[in-house]
Amino acid sequence: MSTFNRVMEEKIMPVAGKVAGQRHLRALRDGIILTMPLIIIGSVFLILTSLPIPGYADFMAGLFGENWVEKLGYPVNASFDIMALVAAFGIAYRLAESYEVDALSSGAIALAAFLLATPYQIPFIPDGSATEIMVGGGIPISLLGSKGLFVAMIIAMLSTEVYRFIIQRNIVIKMPDGVPPAVSKSFVALIPGFIIITLVWLARLFIEITPFKSLHNVVGDLLGTPLSILGGSLGGSLIAEFVQMLLWSCGIHGASIIGGVMSPIWYGAMDANRLAFQAGEALPSIFTTQFFQIWINVGGSGATLALVLTMLVRSRSKQMKQLGRLGIGPAIFNINEPIIFGMPLVMNPLLIVPFIIAPLLTITATYIGMSTGMVAKPAGIAVPWTMPPLISGYLATGGKISGSVMQLINLLITFIIYYPFYRIWDLQKWREERAAEQNVTEET
């Protein structure tokens, strides 16, 4: 075990620490998190469109009219369809903040650059025609939502890098000391802002003469599609989860790091499911943000709710039983830091094994259930990750009981995985307590 800990401390932790502190990954994570309040608010209205209550549809029709579902969809679309727009500002803001330059100006410039890179054309089918044509003068809402996330990420980070490069070399317009700070900052942003907008404009002009026609098509074809295939596959999801749990095992918040990389993919899949759910069509994706938050991380990263329940009912060690009592409350709301660091699971050669294996098995089991149609897929509803199990599974599937049943099955799977390892750990702690009590008795 000492060899294991030495390898973890000397080889893995330094690398993992550098990855965790990488400013672009942190900006990506924190910027996308800015969209979460809007998505959750929109999801509340999305849930209200499909409550399985007898007489509910008639009540809503009497209250809002026959097209009540469409009216409830207004706030859903208003929140989901600006995901990329908000992310562009948020990512640029957080990255500029890490460089200690004016974050507000950087975010505003990135927002303008993103809109400049977006073609103002929308598809339209004229009356009596079966051919779709592109009409200018309209902002394509789909590209401001999840479909534009990759472009928003790239524009936000590149524009902020150009912005801070110019600012840090003091290539700015300086105002006299008596000018208000807000006015002075706006003039400081003029030169970097002009350069960024000009560069994006030239890039757009160049891309328009290529077969791609827009930056969104370039990024979608060369980057978005391959990454979506990887993140939307069982193999890619297992690899992402394995790396996440390995980072957690070193004491590093694996969900933050992996989420920063995979969130754009899983958010895009979530929104695709949301659109299909609203339209009453088959849901296209299994691997979404909710797939991991609701079905895999039951009790928190590592699916530790089963472990905490085992600690409560099967512990011989007083220390473990007490820790189980302290951990059960947070675990119900999928918070398990008291267990990860208090037990600890971190740097624990024995318990790291089930800690990593358990979520990999629940990913596989849930995928089998959803791909065969026995379990409903996530409906694109952003249920808060702190929602207790069973309730969250029901809501995330748009009111399907199979979502809750799958959570129970995963709880059983993780119990089977954790139990033998925990029994060994509990026995070790019990013997340590017995030895300590005997030493006290002998001394007295």
Protein backbone atom coordinates (compact mmCIF):
# COMPACT_ATOMS: atom_id res chain seq x y z
CA MET A 1 0.00 0.00 0.00
CA SER A 2 2.89 2.35 0.70
CA THR A 3 4.17 1.73 -2.84
CA PHE A 4 0.72 2.52 -4.22
CA ASN A 5 0.52 5.78 -2.28
CA ARG A 6 4.04 6.75 -3.34
CA VAL A 7 3.23 6.21 -7.02
CA MET A 8 0.01 8.21 -6.67
CA GLU A 9 1.76 11.08 -4.89
CA GLU A 10 4.87 11.23 -7.07
CA LYS A 11 3.54 10.35 -10.53
CA ILE A 12 -0.18 10.92 -10.83
CA MET A 13 -1.00 13.77 -8.43
CA PRO A 14 1.46 16.32 -9.90
CA VAL A 15 0.06 15.79 -13.40
CA ALA A 16 -3.53 15.80 -12.17
CA GLY A 17 -2.87 18.97 -10.18
CA LYS A 18 -1.56 20.78 -13.25
CA VAL A 19 -4.60 19.72 -15.26
CA ALA A 20 -6.94 20.84 -12.48
CA GLY A 21 -5.30 24.27 -12.38
CA GLN A 22 -5.29 24.82 -16.14
CA ARG A 23 -6.92 28.24 -16.60
CA HIS A 24 -8.67 27.47 -19.89
CA LEU A 25 -10.36 24.35 -18.51
CA ARG A 26 -11.47 26.28 -15.43
CA ALA A 27 -12.81 29.12 -17.58
CA LEU A 28 -14.63 26.62 -19.78
CA ARG A 29 -16.23 24.95 -16.78
CA ASP A 30 -17.17 28.16 -14.95
CA GLY A 31 -18.40 29.89 -18.09
CA ILE A 32 -20.75 27.08 -19.06
CA ILE A 33 -22.03 26.86 -15.48
CA LEU A 34 -23.35 30.39 -16.04
CA THR A 35 -26.02 28.86 -18.29
CA MET A 36 -27.29 26.46 -15.61
CA PRO A 37 -29.80 28.75 -13.81
CA LEU A 38 -31.49 29.55 -17.12
CA ILE A 39 -31.58 25.90 -18.17
CA ILE A 40 -33.06 24.79 -14.85
CA ILE A 41 -35.72 27.53 -15.03
CA GLY A 42 -36.59 26.45 -18.57
CA SER A 43 -36.73 22.83 -17.43
CA VAL A 44 -39.35 23.66 -14.81
CA PHE A 45 -41.65 24.91 -17.56
CA LEU A 46 -40.76 21.87 -19.68
CA ILE A 47 -41.86 19.57 -16.83
CA LEU A 48 -45.14 21.50 -16.61
CA THR A 49 -45.93 20.60 -20.23
CA SER A 50 -46.07 16.87 -19.45
CA LEU A 51 -47.28 16.28 -15.89
CA PRO A 52 -49.03 12.85 -15.82
CA ILE A 53 -51.99 14.05 -13.74
CA PRO A 54 -55.57 13.12 -14.73
CA GLY A 55 -57.43 16.19 -15.95
CA TYR A 56 -54.27 18.32 -15.99
CA ALA A 57 -54.32 18.90 -19.76
CA ASP A 58 -57.96 20.00 -19.67
CA PHE A 59 -57.26 22.35 -16.77
CA MET A 60 -54.32 23.96 -18.58
CA ALA A 61 -56.33 24.24 -21.81
CA GLY A 62 -59.07 26.05 -19.92
CA LEU A 63 -56.51 28.37 -18.33
CA PHE A 64 -54.26 29.17 -21.33
CA GLY A 65 -56.24 27.96 -24.35
CA GLU A 66 -55.85 24.97 -26.65
CA ASN A 67 -52.23 25.84 -27.51
CA TRP A 68 -51.20 25.90 -23.83
CA VAL A 69 -48.21 23.61 -24.48
CA GLU A 70 -46.82 26.08 -27.00
CA LYS A 71 -47.27 28.95 -24.53
CA LEU A 72 -45.45 27.05 -21.78
CA GLY A 73 -42.70 26.52 -24.34
CA TYR A 74 -41.95 30.26 -24.55
CA PRO A 75 -39.71 30.36 -21.43
CA VAL A 76 -38.24 26.97 -22.37
CA ASN A 77 -37.05 28.26 -25.73
CA ALA A 78 -35.97 31.62 -24.30
CA SER A 79 -33.64 29.91 -21.81
CA PHE A 80 -32.30 26.95 -23.80
CA ASP A 81 -31.91 28.80 -27.11
CA ILE A 82 -29.33 31.31 -25.81
CA MET A 83 -27.02 28.71 -24.27
CA ALA A 84 -24.08 29.49 -26.58
CA LEU A 85 -24.63 33.23 -26.29
CA VAL A 86 -24.40 33.14 -22.49
CA ALA A 87 -21.48 30.68 -22.58
CA ALA A 88 -19.47 32.93 -24.94
CA PHE A 89 -19.74 35.80 -22.49
CA GLY A 90 -19.18 33.62 -19.40
CA ILE A 91 -16.10 31.78 -20.70
CA ALA A 92 -14.45 35.00 -21.88
CA TYR A 93 -15.29 36.71 -18.59
CA ARG A 94 -13.78 33.93 -16.45
CA LEU A 95 -10.67 33.59 -18.61
CA ALA A 96 -10.04 37.35 -18.56
CA GLU A 97 -10.59 37.31 -14.81
CA SER A 98 -7.83 34.70 -14.44
CA TYR A 99 -5.48 37.00 -16.38
CA GLU A 100 -6.52 39.96 -14.20
CA VAL A 101 -7.67 42.09 -17.14
CA ASP A 102 -11.06 43.76 -17.57
CA ALA A 103 -13.41 40.76 -17.64
CA LEU A 104 -16.55 42.71 -18.53
CA SER A 105 -15.03 44.24 -21.67
CA SER A 106 -13.55 40.89 -22.68
CA GLY A 107 -16.93 39.18 -22.31
CA ALA A 108 -18.71 41.87 -24.32
CA ILE A 109 -16.15 41.69 -27.15
CA ALA A 110 -16.35 37.89 -27.24
CA LEU A 111 -20.14 38.14 -27.45
CA ALA A 112 -19.91 40.52 -30.41
CA ALA A 113 -17.29 38.32 -32.08
CA PHE A 114 -19.51 35.25 -31.68
CA LEU A 115 -22.46 37.04 -33.29
CA LEU A 116 -20.17 38.24 -36.09
CA ALA A 117 -19.12 34.64 -36.77
CA THR A 118 -22.78 33.57 -36.94
CA PRO A 119 -24.47 33.91 -40.36
CA TYR A 120 -27.70 35.90 -40.18
CA GLN A 121 -29.63 33.45 -42.31
CA ILE A 122 -32.58 31.23 -41.46
CA PRO A 123 -34.10 28.33 -43.43
CA PHE A 124 -37.48 29.02 -45.05
CA ILE A 125 -39.82 26.95 -47.23
CA PRO A 126 -42.06 29.18 -49.42
CA ASP A 127 -45.74 28.31 -49.84
CA GLY A 128 -46.25 25.75 -52.56
CA SER A 129 -42.59 24.74 -52.60
CA ALA A 130 -40.83 21.69 -51.19
CA THR A 131 -37.39 23.27 -51.43
CA GLU A 132 -35.83 24.98 -48.44
CA ILE A 133 -34.09 28.30 -49.08
CA MET A 134 -31.95 30.49 -46.84
CA VAL A 135 -33.36 33.93 -46.06
CA GLY A 136 -31.12 36.72 -44.80
CA GLY A 137 -31.83 39.24 -42.08
CA GLY A 138 -32.73 36.82 -39.30
CA ILE A 139 -30.66 35.42 -36.44
CA PRO A 140 -30.64 31.60 -36.51
CA ILE A 141 -31.77 30.76 -32.98
CA SER A 142 -30.47 27.19 -33.26
CA LEU A 143 -26.88 28.47 -33.57
CA LEU A 144 -27.28 30.57 -30.42
CA GLY A 145 -28.22 27.45 -28.47
CA SER A 146 -26.45 24.14 -27.98
CA LYS A 147 -25.47 23.85 -31.66
CA GLY A 148 -23.29 26.93 -31.32
CA LEU A 149 -21.53 25.89 -28.11
CA PHE A 150 -18.27 24.76 -29.73
CA VAL A 151 -17.98 27.98 -31.74
CA ALA A 152 -18.79 30.01 -28.62
CA MET A 153 -16.02 28.22 -26.71
CA ILE A 154 -13.41 28.77 -29.42
CA ILE A 155 -14.34 32.41 -30.05
CA ALA A 156 -14.45 33.21 -26.32
CA MET A 157 -11.01 31.76 -25.59
CA LEU A 158 -9.25 33.08 -28.70
CA SER A 159 -10.72 36.58 -28.40
CA THR A 160 -9.73 36.75 -24.73
CA GLU A 161 -6.19 35.61 -25.52
CA VAL A 162 -5.88 38.37 -28.13
CA TYR A 163 -7.46 40.88 -25.73
CA ARG A 164 -5.10 40.14 -22.83
CA PHE A 165 -2.06 39.98 -25.18
CA ILE A 166 -2.73 43.54 -26.33
CA ILE A 167 -3.69 44.86 -22.89
CA GLN A 168 -0.65 43.35 -21.17
CA ARG A 169 1.61 45.02 -23.74
CA ASN A 170 -0.08 48.33 -23.02
CA ILE A 171 -1.24 48.89 -26.61
CA VAL A 172 -4.26 50.88 -25.46
CA ILE A 173 -5.82 54.33 -25.53
CA LYS A 174 -5.18 56.01 -22.19
CA MET A 175 -7.49 58.66 -20.84
CA PRO A 176 -6.59 61.47 -18.39
CA ASP A 177 -6.80 60.74 -14.67
CA GLY A 178 -9.98 62.77 -14.21
CA VAL A 179 -12.03 60.55 -16.54
CA PRO A 180 -14.45 58.16 -14.71
CA PRO A 181 -13.09 54.57 -14.49
CA ALA A 182 -15.98 53.09 -16.50
CA VAL A 183 -15.32 55.48 -19.39
CA SER A 184 -11.57 54.91 -19.18
CA LYS A 185 -12.00 51.11 -19.34
CA SER A 186 -14.22 51.38 -22.40
CA PHE A 187 -11.51 53.33 -24.24
CA VAL A 188 -8.85 50.84 -23.10
CA ALA A 189 -10.90 48.11 -24.80
CA LEU A 190 -11.15 50.00 -28.12
CA ILE A 191 -7.92 48.85 -29.78
CA PRO A 192 -8.08 45.16 -28.72
CA GLY A 193 -11.79 45.12 -29.52
CA PHE A 194 -11.23 46.56 -32.99
CA ILE A 195 -8.47 44.04 -33.73
CA ILE A 196 -10.57 41.08 -32.53
CA ILE A 197 -13.64 42.11 -34.52
CA THR A 198 -11.51 42.71 -37.62
CA LEU A 199 -9.84 39.30 -37.33
CA VAL A 200 -13.17 37.50 -36.94
CA TRP A 201 -14.63 39.49 -39.84
CA LEU A 202 -11.72 38.53 -42.12
CA ALA A 203 -12.01 34.90 -41.03
CA ARG A 204 -15.71 34.95 -41.88
CA LEU A 205 -15.07 36.45 -45.33
CA PHE A 206 -12.49 33.77 -46.06
CA ILE A 207 -14.69 30.89 -44.86
CA GLU A 208 -17.64 32.15 -46.93
CA ILE A 209 -15.71 31.49 -50.15
CA THR A 210 -15.03 27.89 -49.09
CA PRO A 211 -17.52 24.99 -49.26
CA PHE A 212 -18.05 25.29 -45.48
CA LYS A 213 -19.68 28.76 -45.82
CA SER A 214 -19.58 29.51 -42.06
CA LEU A 215 -17.40 28.96 -39.01
CA HIS A 216 -20.22 26.95 -37.44
CA ASN A 217 -20.01 24.44 -40.29
CA VAL A 218 -16.20 24.26 -40.03
CA VAL A 219 -16.28 23.57 -36.30
CA GLY A 220 -19.27 21.26 -36.56
CA ASP A 221 -17.73 19.08 -39.28
CA LEU A 222 -14.13 19.02 -38.08
CA LEU A 223 -14.56 19.12 -34.30
CA GLY A 224 -18.15 18.87 -33.13
CA THR A 225 -19.14 15.70 -34.98
CA PRO A 226 -16.10 13.58 -33.95
CA LEU A 227 -16.32 14.72 -30.32
CA SER A 228 -20.07 14.13 -30.24
CA ILE A 229 -19.54 10.60 -31.52
CA LEU A 230 -16.90 10.02 -28.84
CA GLY A 231 -18.93 11.55 -26.00
CA GLY A 232 -22.11 9.89 -27.21
CA SER A 233 -20.66 6.39 -27.24
CA LEU A 234 -20.44 3.82 -24.47
CA GLY A 235 -16.67 3.51 -24.84
CA GLY A 236 -16.06 7.26 -24.73
CA SER A 237 -18.30 7.68 -21.69
CA LEU A 238 -16.56 4.85 -19.84
CA ILE A 239 -13.16 6.44 -20.51
CA ALA A 240 -14.38 9.86 -19.33
CA GLU A 241 -15.82 8.35 -16.14
CA PHE A 242 -12.68 6.31 -15.47
CA VAL A 243 -10.46 9.40 -15.72
CA GLN A 244 -12.86 11.36 -13.53
CA MET A 245 -12.81 8.72 -10.79
CA LEU A 246 -9.02 8.41 -11.03
CA LEU A 247 -8.74 12.16 -10.42
CA TRP A 248 -11.12 11.92 -7.47
CA SER A 249 -8.94 9.13 -6.07
CA CYS A 250 -6.07 11.62 -5.99
CA GLY A 251 -8.18 14.15 -4.11
CA ILE A 252 -8.84 16.31 -7.19
CA HIS A 253 -12.38 17.31 -8.18
CA GLY A 254 -12.63 15.05 -11.21
CA ALA A 255 -16.16 16.13 -12.13
CA SER A 256 -15.03 19.73 -12.61
CA ILE A 257 -12.17 18.78 -14.93
CA ILE A 258 -13.95 16.17 -17.04
CA GLY A 259 -17.11 18.27 -17.03
CA GLY A 260 -15.17 21.18 -18.49
CA VAL A 261 -14.17 19.05 -21.47
CA MET A 262 -17.31 16.96 -21.97
CA SER A 263 -20.04 19.43 -20.94
CA PRO A 264 -20.45 21.00 -24.41
CA ILE A 265 -21.00 17.52 -25.88
CA TRP A 266 -23.44 16.37 -23.21
CA TYR A 267 -25.28 19.70 -23.11
CA GLY A 268 -25.74 19.50 -26.86
CA ALA A 269 -27.15 15.97 -26.54
CA MET A 270 -29.42 17.15 -23.73
CA ASP A 271 -30.82 19.95 -25.86
CA ALA A 272 -31.36 17.61 -28.81
CA ASN A 273 -33.41 15.38 -26.51
CA ARG A 274 -35.30 18.41 -25.22
CA LEU A 275 -36.30 19.45 -28.73
CA ALA A 276 -37.39 15.90 -29.59
CA PHE A 277 -39.35 15.65 -26.33
CA GLN A 278 -41.16 18.92 -27.05
CA ALA A 279 -41.98 17.72 -30.56
CA GLY A 280 -43.17 14.30 -29.34
CA GLU A 281 -40.45 12.52 -31.32
CA ALA A 282 -38.07 9.69 -30.38
CA LEU A 283 -35.24 10.89 -28.15
CA PRO A 284 -31.93 10.61 -30.05
CA SER A 285 -29.34 10.53 -27.24
CA ILE A 286 -28.61 8.44 -24.17
CA PHE A 287 -25.44 10.11 -22.90
CA THR A 288 -26.41 13.57 -21.68
CA THR A 289 -25.52 15.62 -18.62
CA GLN A 290 -28.51 14.16 -16.78
CA PHE A 291 -27.50 10.58 -17.63
CA PHE A 292 -24.46 10.94 -15.40
CA GLN A 293 -25.92 13.21 -12.74
CA ILE A 294 -29.17 11.30 -12.24
CA TRP A 295 -28.39 7.62 -12.90
CA ILE A 296 -24.65 7.18 -12.45
CA ASN A 297 -23.69 9.49 -9.57
CA VAL A 298 -26.38 8.33 -7.15
CA GLY A 299 -25.12 9.70 -3.85
CA GLY A 300 -22.35 11.68 -5.53
CA SER A 301 -19.31 10.83 -7.66
CA GLY A 302 -18.52 7.15 -7.33
CA ALA A 303 -22.19 6.30 -6.65
CA THR A 304 -21.54 6.23 -2.90
CA LEU A 305 -25.12 6.22 -1.58
CA ALA A 306 -24.99 2.42 -1.37
CA LEU A 307 -21.71 2.67 0.55
CA VAL A 308 -23.20 5.11 3.07
CA LEU A 309 -26.25 2.88 3.58
CA THR A 310 -23.91 -0.06 4.18
CA MET A 311 -22.00 1.99 6.75
CA LEU A 312 -25.25 2.69 8.57
CA VAL A 313 -26.57 -0.86 8.81
CA ARG A 314 -23.53 -3.17 8.61
CA SER A 315 -20.69 -1.39 10.44
CA ARG A 316 -18.91 -2.98 13.37
CA SER A 317 -16.59 0.00 13.68
CA LYS A 318 -18.03 2.84 15.78
CA GLN A 319 -16.11 5.35 13.69
CA MET A 320 -17.59 4.08 10.42
CA LYS A 321 -21.13 3.92 11.80
CA GLN A 322 -20.85 7.49 13.06
CA LEU A 323 -19.46 8.63 9.70
CA GLY A 324 -22.39 6.92 8.01
CA ARG A 325 -24.82 8.87 10.19
CA LEU A 326 -23.08 12.11 9.28
CA GLY A 327 -22.90 11.26 5.58
CA ILE A 328 -26.41 9.96 4.89
CA GLY A 329 -28.06 13.40 4.84
CA PRO A 330 -25.73 14.92 2.24
CA ALA A 331 -25.65 11.63 0.28
CA ILE A 332 -29.42 11.74 -0.28
CA PHE A 333 -28.79 15.03 -2.08
CA ASN A 334 -25.80 13.56 -3.99
CA ILE A 335 -23.14 15.32 -1.91
CA ASN A 336 -20.41 12.94 -0.77
CA GLU A 337 -17.35 15.02 0.14
CA PRO A 338 -17.75 13.96 3.82
CA ILE A 339 -17.29 10.34 2.71
CA ILE A 340 -14.63 10.94 0.05
CA PHE A 341 -12.38 12.90 2.40
CA GLY A 342 -13.62 11.68 5.79
CA MET A 343 -13.48 7.92 5.30
CA PRO A 344 -11.32 8.52 3.26
CA LEU A 345 -11.77 7.19 -0.26
CA VAL A 346 -8.96 9.45 -1.46
CA MET A 347 -5.61 7.65 -1.63
CA ASN A 348 -7.22 4.51 -0.19
CA PRO A 349 -5.85 1.50 -2.14
CA LEU A 350 -8.63 -0.80 -0.92
CA LEU A 351 -11.70 1.36 -1.50
CA ILE A 352 -10.45 3.03 -4.69
CA VAL A 353 -11.22 -0.24 -6.50
CA PRO A 354 -15.03 -0.20 -6.00
CA PHE A 355 -15.01 3.61 -6.15
CA ILE A 356 -13.83 3.38 -9.77
CA ILE A 357 -15.58 0.15 -10.81
CA ALA A 358 -19.07 0.95 -9.47
CA PRO A 359 -19.89 3.89 -11.80
CA LEU A 360 -18.42 2.05 -14.79
CA LEU A 361 -20.83 -0.83 -14.20
CA THR A 362 -23.83 1.46 -13.68
CA ILE A 363 -23.00 3.29 -16.93
CA THR A 364 -23.04 -0.04 -18.74
CA ALA A 365 -26.24 -1.24 -17.06
CA THR A 366 -28.09 2.03 -17.67
CA TYR A 367 -26.95 2.13 -21.28
CA ILE A 368 -28.26 -1.40 -21.84
CA GLY A 369 -31.59 -0.48 -20.25
CA MET A 370 -32.04 2.68 -22.31
CA SER A 371 -30.72 1.34 -25.61
CA THR A 372 -33.10 -1.63 -25.46
CA GLY A 373 -36.07 0.58 -24.62
CA MET A 374 -36.68 -0.95 -21.20
CA VAL A 375 -35.77 2.36 -19.55
CA ALA A 376 -36.82 5.80 -20.80
CA LYS A 377 -34.02 8.04 -22.02
CA PRO A 378 -33.34 11.43 -20.38
CA ALA A 379 -35.85 13.88 -21.83
CA GLY A 380 -33.57 16.92 -21.86
CA ILE A 381 -35.01 18.20 -18.58
CA ALA A 382 -32.26 19.75 -16.44
CA VAL A 383 -33.22 18.30 -13.08
CA PRO A 384 -30.88 19.78 -10.41
CA TRP A 385 -28.14 17.29 -9.53
CA THR A 386 -29.02 17.66 -5.84
CA MET A 387 -32.51 16.23 -6.41
CA PRO A 388 -32.87 12.99 -4.35
CA PRO A 389 -32.91 9.64 -6.21
CA LEU A 390 -36.22 8.18 -7.41
CA ILE A 391 -37.72 11.67 -7.69
CA SER A 392 -34.93 12.78 -10.03
CA GLY A 393 -35.19 9.66 -12.21
CA TYR A 394 -38.92 10.19 -12.61
CA LEU A 395 -38.62 13.87 -13.49
CA ALA A 396 -35.59 13.52 -15.79
CA THR A 397 -37.45 11.08 -18.04
CA GLY A 398 -40.49 13.34 -18.31
CA GLY A 399 -42.59 11.35 -15.84
CA LYS A 400 -41.55 7.75 -16.60
CA ILE A 401 -41.38 5.34 -13.64
CA SER A 402 -38.67 3.33 -15.42
CA GLY A 403 -36.24 6.17 -14.65
CA SER A 404 -36.73 5.61 -10.92
CA VAL A 405 -36.56 1.83 -11.28
CA MET A 406 -33.20 2.14 -13.04
CA GLN A 407 -31.88 4.18 -10.12
CA LEU A 408 -32.91 1.41 -7.74
CA ILE A 409 -31.17 -1.18 -9.92
CA ASN A 410 -28.01 0.93 -9.95
CA LEU A 411 -28.21 1.27 -6.17
CA LEU A 412 -28.30 -2.53 -5.90
CA ILE A 413 -25.37 -2.91 -8.32
CA THR A 414 -23.22 -0.46 -6.38
CA PHE A 415 -24.14 -2.15 -3.08
CA ILE A 416 -22.90 -5.49 -4.45
CA ILE A 417 -19.65 -3.87 -5.61
CA TYR A 418 -18.92 -1.88 -2.45
CA TYR A 419 -20.00 -4.45 0.17
CA PRO A 420 -17.06 -6.92 0.18
CA PHE A 421 -14.46 -4.15 0.07
CA TYR A 422 -16.19 -2.20 2.81
CA ARG A 423 -16.43 -5.26 5.06
CA ILE A 424 -12.63 -5.60 4.92
CA TRP A 425 -12.17 -1.89 5.65
CA ASP A 426 -14.71 -1.96 8.48
CA LEU A 427 -12.99 -4.98 10.03
CA GLN A 428 -9.64 -3.18 9.93
CA LYS A 429 -11.13 -0.15 11.68
CA TRP A 430 -12.91 -2.32 14.25
CA ARG A 431 -9.65 -4.09 15.11
CA GLU A 432 -7.88 -0.74 15.44
CA GLU A 433 -10.59 0.43 17.84
CA ARG A 434 -10.35 -2.81 19.86
CA ALA A 435 -6.58 -2.46 20.09
CA ALA A 436 -6.90 1.16 21.20
CA GLU A 437 -9.45 0.22 23.88
CA GLN A 438 -7.21 -2.58 25.16
CA ASN A 439 -4.25 -0.20 25.39
CA VAL A 440 -6.32 2.23 27.43
CA THR A 441 -7.46 -0.59 29.73
CA GLU A 442 -3.90 -1.81 30.28
CA GLU A 443 -2.69 1.70 31.06
CA THR A 444 -5.39 2.18 33.68
